[in-house]
Amino acid sequence: MLKVEGLCVSYGAVPVVADVDIVVNEGESVALLGPNGAGKTTIIKCIYGEVRASSGKIYFDGKEIQDFPIHKRIKLGISVIPEGRYLFPYLTVTESLILGAINTTSSKKFEMLEYIFQLFPALKERKNSQAITLSGGEQQMLTIGRALMASPKLLLIDEPSVGLAPKVVAEIYKILEKITHGKRNMSILLAEQFVNVKNITQRCYLIYQGKIVLEKKAEEIDVETLRKFYLGL
């Protein structure tokens, strides 16, 4: 579904991602783990088109897309849950969700809306509330729901735990587990510092200083490996 080959990205004269290869198969969930500043967000932004690669190729569903504008990538079936949420503060929960239904036919919009409200009962309770009035956890739920409304083939998730209390993070991850084990045959690439992703991903790439340094099955990622990895050993 997704194939990244030799991806290099620089901000001005500063290289931040170097020769990165990533594969996400159809229906597979993959984690991109790394400490702050490792290059995770840059890779996610490259895949959906916000940041331009210095070199390398990005293939999605058999098409080479690194030169495609963002709207064309969305039309192909790529949806993103960005770090920082980026909600329109004065739209209601329902309006925000409907806004995300870019690739969803009119007849399916309300079906998807009901699916989101089943996933997030808290959003259903506040469906007429403005986004600015929601808690941080509710805003993250709304961001996830908005991305799912597009019925994506590939869902990119950028650090969903940032800025949230541990209890809220645990709740968000329970919902992500439901999504990844659902029957929508959706591929997922999750970028995260939080390391407990075994229940929602099959494979993990570890990235350090802009380079992929290890690829393993999620179940094989142990505490000792991560301790050495995060300390740069």
Protein backbone atom coordinates (compact mmCIF):
# COMPACT_ATOMS: atom_id res chain seq x y z
CA MET A 1 0.00 0.00 0.00
CA LEU A 2 2.84 2.37 0.93
CA LYS A 3 6.48 2.15 -0.13
CA VAL A 4 9.07 4.79 0.75
CA GLU A 5 12.47 4.42 -0.94
CA GLY A 6 15.65 6.35 -0.14
CA LEU A 7 13.78 9.30 1.36
CA CYS A 8 16.00 12.27 2.21
CA VAL A 9 14.75 15.59 3.60
CA SER A 10 16.62 18.75 4.52
CA TYR A 11 15.43 21.98 6.10
CA GLY A 12 17.66 24.49 4.34
CA ALA A 13 21.19 23.16 4.64
CA VAL A 14 20.32 20.91 7.60
CA PRO A 15 19.62 17.23 6.75
CA VAL A 16 16.90 15.75 8.99
CA VAL A 17 16.01 12.47 7.23
CA ALA A 18 18.56 10.32 5.41
CA ASP A 19 17.92 7.41 3.05
CA VAL A 20 14.78 6.10 4.77
CA ASP A 21 12.99 2.98 3.46
CA ILE A 22 9.54 2.08 4.82
CA VAL A 23 6.92 -0.42 3.65
CA VAL A 24 3.33 -0.68 4.89
CA ASN A 25 1.36 -3.55 3.37
CA GLU A 26 -2.36 -3.52 2.68
CA GLY A 27 -4.28 -3.87 5.93
CA GLU A 28 -1.09 -3.71 8.02
CA SER A 29 -0.37 -1.44 10.99
CA VAL A 30 3.24 -0.27 11.36
CA ALA A 31 4.88 1.90 14.04
CA LEU A 32 7.64 4.43 13.47
CA LEU A 33 9.25 4.80 16.90
CA GLY A 34 11.87 7.32 17.91
CA PRO A 35 12.81 10.04 20.39
CA ASN A 36 11.86 13.66 19.95
CA GLY A 37 13.61 15.20 16.92
CA ALA A 38 14.38 11.86 15.26
CA GLY A 39 12.53 12.76 12.03
CA LYS A 40 9.20 10.97 12.53
CA THR A 41 6.96 13.98 11.88
CA THR A 42 9.02 15.00 8.85
CA ILE A 43 8.48 11.56 7.30
CA ILE A 44 4.73 11.70 7.94
CA LYS A 45 4.56 15.20 6.41
CA CYS A 46 6.49 14.01 3.36
CA ILE A 47 4.07 11.14 2.79
CA TYR A 48 0.98 13.36 2.78
CA GLY A 49 2.69 16.24 0.98
CA GLU A 50 3.24 19.07 3.47
CA VAL A 51 7.04 18.74 3.23
CA ARG A 52 8.92 18.11 -0.01
CA ALA A 53 11.62 15.47 -0.10
CA SER A 54 15.14 16.36 -1.22
CA SER A 55 15.36 12.98 -2.93
CA GLY A 56 13.75 9.55 -2.86
CA LYS A 57 10.48 7.99 -3.99
CA ILE A 58 7.07 7.55 -2.38
CA TYR A 59 4.68 4.98 -3.83
CA PHE A 60 1.05 4.67 -2.76
CA ASP A 61 -1.19 1.92 -4.05
CA GLY A 62 1.19 1.42 -6.99
CA LYS A 63 1.44 5.12 -7.93
CA GLU A 64 4.51 7.32 -7.53
CA ILE A 65 3.20 10.29 -5.55
CA GLN A 66 6.12 12.35 -4.19
CA ASP A 67 5.29 15.17 -6.64
CA PHE A 68 1.51 15.08 -6.05
CA PRO A 69 -0.16 18.00 -4.21
CA ILE A 70 -1.83 17.28 -0.88
CA HIS A 71 -5.40 17.30 -2.21
CA LYS A 72 -4.55 14.66 -4.82
CA ARG A 73 -2.99 12.39 -2.20
CA ILE A 74 -6.14 12.75 -0.08
CA LYS A 75 -8.30 11.85 -3.08
CA LEU A 76 -6.20 8.70 -3.57
CA GLY A 77 -7.04 7.61 -0.02
CA ILE A 78 -4.41 9.04 2.36
CA SER A 79 -5.68 10.60 5.57
CA VAL A 80 -3.67 12.11 8.42
CA ILE A 81 -4.09 12.65 12.15
CA PRO A 82 -1.57 15.46 12.65
CA GLU A 83 0.39 16.21 15.79
CA GLY A 84 -1.25 19.27 17.36
CA ARG A 85 -4.78 18.38 16.13
CA TYR A 86 -5.42 21.49 13.93
CA LEU A 87 -9.15 21.81 14.51
CA PHE A 88 -11.35 24.70 13.46
CA PRO A 89 -12.16 26.03 16.94
CA TYR A 90 -15.66 27.38 16.30
CA LEU A 91 -17.05 24.49 14.25
CA THR A 92 -19.19 22.01 16.18
CA VAL A 93 -18.16 18.38 16.61
CA THR A 94 -20.63 17.28 13.90
CA GLU A 95 -19.52 20.03 11.50
CA SER A 96 -15.87 19.10 12.03
CA LEU A 97 -16.55 15.44 11.30
CA ILE A 98 -18.60 16.18 8.17
CA LEU A 99 -15.75 18.41 6.99
CA GLY A 100 -13.49 15.34 6.97
CA ALA A 101 -15.77 13.30 4.69
CA ILE A 102 -13.82 14.26 1.56
CA ASN A 103 -13.83 10.87 -0.15
CA THR A 104 -17.13 9.70 1.31
CA THR A 105 -20.30 9.73 -0.79
CA SER A 106 -23.31 11.63 0.52
CA SER A 107 -25.16 8.39 1.22
CA LYS A 108 -22.29 7.09 3.38
CA LYS A 109 -21.55 10.28 5.34
CA PHE A 110 -24.19 9.63 7.99
CA GLU A 111 -23.24 5.94 8.17
CA MET A 112 -19.64 7.00 8.88
CA LEU A 113 -20.84 9.62 11.34
CA GLU A 114 -22.69 6.96 13.31
CA TYR A 115 -19.58 4.74 13.24
CA ILE A 116 -17.51 7.60 14.72
CA PHE A 117 -20.09 8.23 17.43
CA GLN A 118 -20.01 4.52 18.33
CA LEU A 119 -16.21 4.68 18.61
CA PHE A 120 -16.33 7.91 20.63
CA PRO A 121 -19.46 8.14 22.82
CA ALA A 122 -18.01 11.32 24.36
CA LEU A 123 -18.19 13.01 20.95
CA LYS A 124 -21.80 11.95 20.48
CA GLU A 125 -22.68 13.55 23.82
CA ARG A 126 -21.05 16.79 22.68
CA LYS A 127 -21.95 16.67 18.98
CA ASN A 128 -23.35 20.22 19.04
CA SER A 129 -20.46 21.70 21.04
CA GLN A 130 -17.74 23.82 19.44
CA ALA A 131 -14.30 22.20 19.15
CA ILE A 132 -12.72 24.92 21.29
CA THR A 133 -14.85 23.86 24.29
CA LEU A 134 -13.62 20.23 24.25
CA SER A 135 -10.94 18.82 26.54
CA GLY A 136 -7.56 17.85 25.06
CA GLY A 137 -8.56 14.19 24.97
CA GLU A 138 -11.90 14.97 23.29
CA GLN A 139 -10.12 17.14 20.72
CA GLN A 140 -7.79 14.24 19.91
CA MET A 141 -10.80 11.96 19.51
CA LEU A 142 -12.35 14.52 17.16
CA THR A 143 -9.14 14.68 15.11
CA ILE A 144 -9.10 10.90 14.78
CA GLY A 145 -12.77 10.83 13.88
CA ARG A 146 -12.34 13.56 11.25
CA ALA A 147 -9.55 11.54 9.56
CA LEU A 148 -11.64 8.36 9.59
CA MET A 149 -14.58 10.17 7.96
CA ALA A 150 -12.57 10.23 4.71
CA SER A 151 -12.72 6.39 4.57
CA PRO A 152 -8.93 6.23 4.02
CA LYS A 153 -6.92 3.38 2.57
CA LEU A 154 -3.89 4.64 4.52
CA LEU A 155 -4.16 6.41 7.87
CA LEU A 156 -1.10 8.38 9.03
CA ILE A 157 -1.04 9.06 12.78
CA ASP A 158 1.50 11.51 14.17
CA GLU A 159 2.19 11.21 17.92
CA PRO A 160 -1.39 11.00 19.27
CA SER A 161 -0.16 10.91 22.88
CA VAL A 162 1.52 14.35 22.84
CA GLY A 163 0.22 16.73 25.50
CA LEU A 164 -2.27 14.28 27.01
CA ALA A 165 -2.47 12.83 30.52
CA PRO A 166 -1.52 9.11 30.83
CA LYS A 167 -5.13 8.12 31.57
CA VAL A 168 -6.32 9.87 28.42
CA VAL A 169 -3.49 8.33 26.36
CA ALA A 170 -4.58 4.86 27.52
CA GLU A 171 -8.15 5.63 26.41
CA ILE A 172 -6.98 6.89 23.00
CA TYR A 173 -4.90 3.76 22.48
CA LYS A 174 -7.82 1.48 23.34
CA ILE A 175 -9.76 3.22 20.57
CA LEU A 176 -6.83 2.93 18.13
CA GLU A 177 -6.71 -0.78 18.96
CA LYS A 178 -10.38 -1.08 17.99
CA ILE A 179 -9.68 0.73 14.73
CA THR A 180 -6.65 -1.41 13.81
CA HIS A 181 -8.49 -4.63 14.57
CA GLY A 182 -11.61 -3.54 12.70
CA LYS A 183 -12.82 -4.85 9.35
CA ARG A 184 -12.15 -1.78 7.19
CA ASN A 185 -8.93 -3.18 5.67
CA MET A 186 -7.11 0.07 6.34
CA SER A 187 -3.32 0.42 6.44
CA ILE A 188 -1.83 2.47 9.28
CA LEU A 189 1.52 4.17 9.87
CA LEU A 190 1.83 5.40 13.45
CA ALA A 191 4.66 7.74 14.50
CA GLU A 192 5.18 7.77 18.23
CA GLN A 193 7.60 8.22 21.13
CA PHE A 194 5.29 6.25 23.39
CA VAL A 195 6.57 2.68 23.17
CA ASN A 196 3.61 0.49 24.12
CA VAL A 197 2.30 -0.09 20.60
CA LYS A 198 2.33 -3.91 20.52
CA ASN A 199 -1.45 -4.20 20.62
CA ILE A 200 -2.02 -1.98 17.59
CA THR A 201 0.91 -2.68 15.22
CA GLN A 202 2.49 -5.72 13.61
CA ARG A 203 5.91 -4.23 12.83
CA CYS A 204 8.08 -1.40 14.12
CA TYR A 205 10.76 0.76 12.55
CA LEU A 206 13.10 2.49 14.99
CA ILE A 207 14.43 5.83 13.80
CA TYR A 208 17.35 7.71 15.31
CA GLN A 209 18.85 10.98 14.07
CA GLY A 210 16.94 10.72 10.78
CA LYS A 211 17.91 7.13 9.95
CA ILE A 212 16.12 3.82 10.30
CA VAL A 213 18.35 1.81 12.63
CA LEU A 214 16.19 -1.25 13.31
CA GLU A 215 13.13 -3.07 11.98
CA LYS A 216 11.41 -5.72 14.07
CA LYS A 217 8.08 -7.36 14.71
CA ALA A 218 6.24 -5.31 17.33
CA GLU A 219 6.18 -8.27 19.71
CA GLU A 220 10.00 -8.43 19.57
CA ILE A 221 10.54 -4.88 20.81
CA ASP A 222 11.66 -5.28 24.42
CA VAL A 223 12.47 -2.76 27.14
CA GLU A 224 16.24 -3.33 26.95
CA THR A 225 16.33 -2.69 23.20
CA LEU A 226 14.37 0.52 23.64
CA ARG A 227 16.47 1.65 26.61
CA LYS A 228 19.67 1.41 24.57
CA PHE A 229 17.95 2.89 21.53
CA TYR A 230 16.55 5.96 23.29
CA LEU A 231 19.85 6.62 25.05
CA GLY A 232 21.64 6.54 21.71
CA LEU A 233 23.65 3.40 22.55
